[in-house]
Amino acid sequence: MDDGKAQQQITTYRMRVLAVVESSPHALTGREIALAACMSYKQTIGALNALYNYGKVQRHGRKFMARWSRVLPQQHCLHPLDEMFLRMKAKK
């Protein structure tokens, strides 16, 4: 298999895994994701690790007991002084 086709296959695995994780209302194990995405466990874990490194999924736990979920939007809390400067900047 040439490099372009191999890279496209890997990207497709990641897209399939990400679709399963994002569509789930709760955290899933690697095995559950593999079954839902119709992939092998090894392919699924490889895709999950890549997505985790890109910050697209969250891992809860370690190794075989890990559960994977989508990344929830974070609430950014600013220091009151930073908020004041942002308000002043917006008024200009």
N, C-alpha and C. Protein backbone atom coordinates (compact mmCIF):
# COMPACT_ATOMS: atom_id res chain seq x y z
N MET A 1 0.85 -1.17 0.00
CA MET A 1 0.00 0.00 0.00
C MET A 1 0.90 1.24 0.00
N ASP A 2 0.61 2.22 -0.85
CA ASP A 2 1.42 3.43 -0.88
C ASP A 2 1.09 4.32 0.31
N ASP A 3 1.97 5.28 0.58
CA ASP A 3 1.82 6.12 1.78
C ASP A 3 0.54 6.94 1.76
N GLY A 4 0.14 7.44 0.61
CA GLY A 4 -1.08 8.25 0.53
C GLY A 4 -2.31 7.46 0.90
N LYS A 5 -2.40 6.25 0.40
CA LYS A 5 -3.56 5.41 0.70
C LYS A 5 -3.55 4.97 2.17
N ALA A 6 -2.36 4.68 2.70
CA ALA A 6 -2.26 4.29 4.12
C ALA A 6 -2.68 5.45 5.01
N GLN A 7 -2.24 6.67 4.68
CA GLN A 7 -2.60 7.84 5.49
C GLN A 7 -4.10 8.09 5.42
N GLN A 8 -4.70 7.90 4.25
CA GLN A 8 -6.15 8.09 4.11
C GLN A 8 -6.90 7.05 4.94
N GLN A 9 -6.41 5.81 4.97
CA GLN A 9 -7.05 4.75 5.76
C GLN A 9 -7.00 5.09 7.25
N ILE A 10 -5.85 5.58 7.73
CA ILE A 10 -5.70 5.95 9.13
C ILE A 10 -6.65 7.09 9.47
N THR A 11 -6.74 8.08 8.60
CA THR A 11 -7.63 9.20 8.83
C THR A 11 -9.08 8.72 8.90
N THR A 12 -9.43 7.78 8.06
CA THR A 12 -10.79 7.24 8.06
C THR A 12 -11.08 6.53 9.39
N TYR A 13 -10.10 5.78 9.90
CA TYR A 13 -10.27 5.11 11.19
C TYR A 13 -10.54 6.14 12.28
N ARG A 14 -9.76 7.22 12.27
CA ARG A 14 -9.92 8.26 13.29
C ARG A 14 -11.28 8.92 13.17
N MET A 15 -11.73 9.15 11.96
CA MET A 15 -13.03 9.79 11.75
C MET A 15 -14.16 8.88 12.25
N ARG A 16 -14.05 7.58 11.98
CA ARG A 16 -15.07 6.64 12.43
C ARG A 16 -15.11 6.56 13.95
N VAL A 17 -13.95 6.49 14.57
CA VAL A 17 -13.87 6.41 16.03
C VAL A 17 -14.41 7.69 16.65
N LEU A 18 -14.03 8.84 16.10
CA LEU A 18 -14.50 10.11 16.63
C LEU A 18 -16.01 10.24 16.51
N ALA A 19 -16.58 9.75 15.42
CA ALA A 19 -18.04 9.80 15.24
C ALA A 19 -18.74 8.96 16.30
N VAL A 20 -18.20 7.80 16.61
CA VAL A 20 -18.81 6.94 17.64
C VAL A 20 -18.72 7.61 19.01
N VAL A 21 -17.55 8.15 19.34
CA VAL A 21 -17.36 8.77 20.65
C VAL A 21 -18.26 9.99 20.81
N GLU A 22 -18.33 10.83 19.78
CA GLU A 22 -19.14 12.04 19.88
C GLU A 22 -20.63 11.77 19.90
N SER A 23 -21.06 10.65 19.34
CA SER A 23 -22.49 10.35 19.31
C SER A 23 -22.96 9.67 20.60
N SER A 24 -22.05 9.27 21.44
CA SER A 24 -22.42 8.57 22.67
C SER A 24 -22.69 9.57 23.80
N PRO A 25 -23.77 9.37 24.55
CA PRO A 25 -24.06 10.27 25.67
C PRO A 25 -23.21 9.99 26.91
N HIS A 26 -22.49 8.86 26.92
CA HIS A 26 -21.66 8.51 28.08
C HIS A 26 -20.32 7.95 27.59
N ALA A 27 -19.38 7.81 28.51
CA ALA A 27 -18.05 7.30 28.17
C ALA A 27 -18.13 5.82 27.79
N LEU A 28 -17.31 5.42 26.82
CA LEU A 28 -17.29 4.05 26.31
C LEU A 28 -15.92 3.43 26.49
N THR A 29 -15.87 2.11 26.60
CA THR A 29 -14.59 1.41 26.62
C THR A 29 -14.07 1.28 25.20
N GLY A 30 -12.80 0.94 25.07
CA GLY A 30 -12.22 0.73 23.75
C GLY A 30 -12.92 -0.38 22.99
N ARG A 31 -13.27 -1.44 23.69
CA ARG A 31 -13.96 -2.57 23.05
C ARG A 31 -15.34 -2.15 22.53
N GLU A 32 -16.07 -1.35 23.31
CA GLU A 32 -17.39 -0.89 22.86
C GLU A 32 -17.27 0.00 21.63
N ILE A 33 -16.26 0.84 21.61
CA ILE A 33 -16.04 1.71 20.45
C ILE A 33 -15.66 0.87 19.23
N ALA A 34 -14.80 -0.13 19.43
CA ALA A 34 -14.39 -1.00 18.33
C ALA A 34 -15.59 -1.72 17.72
N LEU A 35 -16.48 -2.23 18.56
CA LEU A 35 -17.67 -2.92 18.06
C LEU A 35 -18.59 -1.96 17.30
N ALA A 36 -18.77 -0.76 17.84
CA ALA A 36 -19.66 0.21 17.19
C ALA A 36 -19.10 0.72 15.88
N ALA A 37 -17.76 0.82 15.78
CA ALA A 37 -17.12 1.34 14.56
C ALA A 37 -16.78 0.23 13.58
N CYS A 38 -17.06 -1.03 13.94
CA CYS A 38 -16.74 -2.19 13.09
C CYS A 38 -15.25 -2.22 12.74
N MET A 39 -14.43 -2.09 13.77
CA MET A 39 -12.97 -2.10 13.60
C MET A 39 -12.38 -3.06 14.61
N SER A 40 -11.10 -3.41 14.41
CA SER A 40 -10.43 -4.24 15.40
C SER A 40 -10.07 -3.38 16.61
N TYR A 41 -9.82 -4.06 17.73
CA TYR A 41 -9.47 -3.34 18.95
C TYR A 41 -8.17 -2.57 18.78
N LYS A 42 -7.20 -3.17 18.13
CA LYS A 42 -5.90 -2.52 17.93
C LYS A 42 -6.03 -1.26 17.08
N GLN A 43 -6.80 -1.30 16.01
CA GLN A 43 -7.04 -0.13 15.17
C GLN A 43 -7.74 0.97 15.97
N THR A 44 -8.70 0.55 16.79
CA THR A 44 -9.47 1.51 17.59
C THR A 44 -8.58 2.21 18.61
N ILE A 45 -7.75 1.45 19.31
CA ILE A 45 -6.86 2.05 20.31
C ILE A 45 -5.86 2.98 19.65
N GLY A 46 -5.36 2.61 18.48
CA GLY A 46 -4.45 3.50 17.75
C GLY A 46 -5.12 4.81 17.39
N ALA A 47 -6.35 4.74 16.92
CA ALA A 47 -7.09 5.94 16.55
C ALA A 47 -7.43 6.77 17.80
N LEU A 48 -7.82 6.11 18.89
CA LEU A 48 -8.15 6.83 20.12
C LEU A 48 -6.93 7.55 20.68
N ASN A 49 -5.77 6.90 20.66
CA ASN A 49 -4.55 7.54 21.15
C ASN A 49 -4.20 8.76 20.31
N ALA A 50 -4.35 8.67 19.00
CA ALA A 50 -4.08 9.82 18.13
C ALA A 50 -5.07 10.95 18.42
N LEU A 51 -6.34 10.61 18.55
CA LEU A 51 -7.35 11.63 18.85
C LEU A 51 -7.12 12.25 20.23
N TYR A 52 -6.65 11.45 21.18
CA TYR A 52 -6.33 11.96 22.52
C TYR A 52 -5.17 12.95 22.44
N ASN A 53 -4.16 12.63 21.65
CA ASN A 53 -3.02 13.53 21.47
C ASN A 53 -3.42 14.84 20.80
N TYR A 54 -4.42 14.80 19.93
CA TYR A 54 -4.92 16.00 19.26
C TYR A 54 -5.92 16.78 20.13
N GLY A 55 -6.29 16.21 21.27
CA GLY A 55 -7.24 16.88 22.17
C GLY A 55 -8.69 16.75 21.74
N LYS A 56 -9.01 15.73 20.96
CA LYS A 56 -10.37 15.53 20.46
C LYS A 56 -11.22 14.65 21.36
N VAL A 57 -10.59 13.79 22.17
CA VAL A 57 -11.30 12.91 23.09
C VAL A 57 -10.65 12.98 24.46
N GLN A 58 -11.39 12.55 25.49
CA GLN A 58 -10.87 12.47 26.85
C GLN A 58 -10.78 11.02 27.27
N ARG A 59 -9.75 10.71 28.06
CA ARG A 59 -9.59 9.36 28.59
C ARG A 59 -9.80 9.42 30.10
N HIS A 60 -10.60 8.50 30.61
CA HIS A 60 -10.85 8.38 32.04
C HIS A 60 -10.36 7.01 32.47
N GLY A 61 -9.35 6.96 33.31
CA GLY A 61 -8.78 5.69 33.74
C GLY A 61 -7.54 5.35 32.94
N ARG A 62 -7.02 4.13 33.17
CA ARG A 62 -5.78 3.72 32.54
C ARG A 62 -5.92 2.34 31.91
N LYS A 63 -5.14 2.11 30.91
CA LYS A 63 -5.02 0.82 30.21
C LYS A 63 -6.36 0.22 29.83
N PHE A 64 -6.58 -1.03 30.18
CA PHE A 64 -7.77 -1.75 29.71
C PHE A 64 -9.07 -1.29 30.37
N MET A 65 -8.95 -0.59 31.48
CA MET A 65 -10.15 -0.12 32.17
C MET A 65 -10.54 1.30 31.75
N ALA A 66 -9.81 1.88 30.82
CA ALA A 66 -10.06 3.26 30.40
C ALA A 66 -11.41 3.38 29.71
N ARG A 67 -12.03 4.52 29.92
CA ARG A 67 -13.26 4.88 29.22
C ARG A 67 -12.98 6.17 28.47
N TRP A 68 -13.54 6.27 27.28
CA TRP A 68 -13.28 7.40 26.39
C TRP A 68 -14.55 8.19 26.18
N SER A 69 -14.42 9.50 26.15
CA SER A 69 -15.59 10.36 25.93
C SER A 69 -15.18 11.58 25.11
N ARG A 70 -16.20 12.30 24.65
CA ARG A 70 -15.93 13.52 23.89
C ARG A 70 -15.41 14.60 24.83
N VAL A 71 -14.73 15.57 24.27
CA VAL A 71 -14.21 16.68 25.05
C VAL A 71 -15.34 17.67 25.28
N LEU A 72 -15.57 17.98 26.53
CA LEU A 72 -16.61 18.94 26.87
C LEU A 72 -16.04 20.35 26.82
N PRO A 73 -16.82 21.33 26.36
CA PRO A 73 -16.31 22.70 26.32
C PRO A 73 -16.00 23.18 27.73
N GLN A 74 -14.88 23.85 27.85
CA GLN A 74 -14.46 24.33 29.16
C GLN A 74 -14.95 25.75 29.38
N GLN A 75 -15.31 26.01 30.62
CA GLN A 75 -15.69 27.36 31.01
C GLN A 75 -14.41 28.10 31.39
N HIS A 76 -14.12 29.17 30.68
CA HIS A 76 -12.92 29.94 30.98
C HIS A 76 -13.25 30.97 32.04
N CYS A 77 -12.58 30.87 33.15
CA CYS A 77 -12.76 31.82 34.23
C CYS A 77 -11.58 32.78 34.23
N LEU A 78 -11.87 34.03 34.02
CA LEU A 78 -10.83 35.04 34.00
C LEU A 78 -10.71 35.69 35.37
N HIS A 79 -9.53 36.13 35.62
CA HIS A 79 -9.29 36.92 36.82
C HIS A 79 -10.09 38.22 36.67
N PRO A 80 -10.65 38.75 37.76
CA PRO A 80 -11.46 39.98 37.66
C PRO A 80 -10.73 41.14 36.97
N LEU A 81 -9.43 41.26 37.19
CA LEU A 81 -8.67 42.32 36.55
C LEU A 81 -8.61 42.12 35.03
N ASP A 82 -8.46 40.86 34.59
CA ASP A 82 -8.47 40.57 33.15
C ASP A 82 -9.82 40.89 32.53
N GLU A 83 -10.90 40.58 33.25
CA GLU A 83 -12.24 40.90 32.75
C GLU A 83 -12.41 42.40 32.58
N MET A 84 -11.89 43.18 33.54
CA MET A 84 -12.00 44.63 33.46
C MET A 84 -11.26 45.16 32.22
N PHE A 85 -10.05 44.63 31.96
CA PHE A 85 -9.28 45.07 30.80
C PHE A 85 -10.00 44.69 29.50
N LEU A 86 -10.62 43.53 29.46
CA LEU A 86 -11.37 43.13 28.27
C LEU A 86 -12.57 44.05 28.04
N ARG A 87 -13.27 44.42 29.09
CA ARG A 87 -14.40 45.34 28.96
C ARG A 87 -13.92 46.71 28.47
N MET A 88 -12.79 47.17 29.00
CA MET A 88 -12.26 48.47 28.57
C MET A 88 -11.86 48.44 27.11
N LYS A 89 -11.27 47.34 26.68
CA LYS A 89 -10.84 47.19 25.29
C LYS A 89 -12.06 47.16 24.36
N ALA A 90 -13.13 46.50 24.80
CA ALA A 90 -14.34 46.38 23.98
C ALA A 90 -15.03 47.73 23.81
N LYS A 91 -14.90 48.62 24.79
CA LYS A 91 -15.54 49.92 24.72
C LYS A 91 -14.85 50.85 23.72
N LYS A 92 -13.59 50.63 23.45
CA LYS A 92 -12.84 51.50 22.53
C LYS A 92 -13.26 51.35 21.11
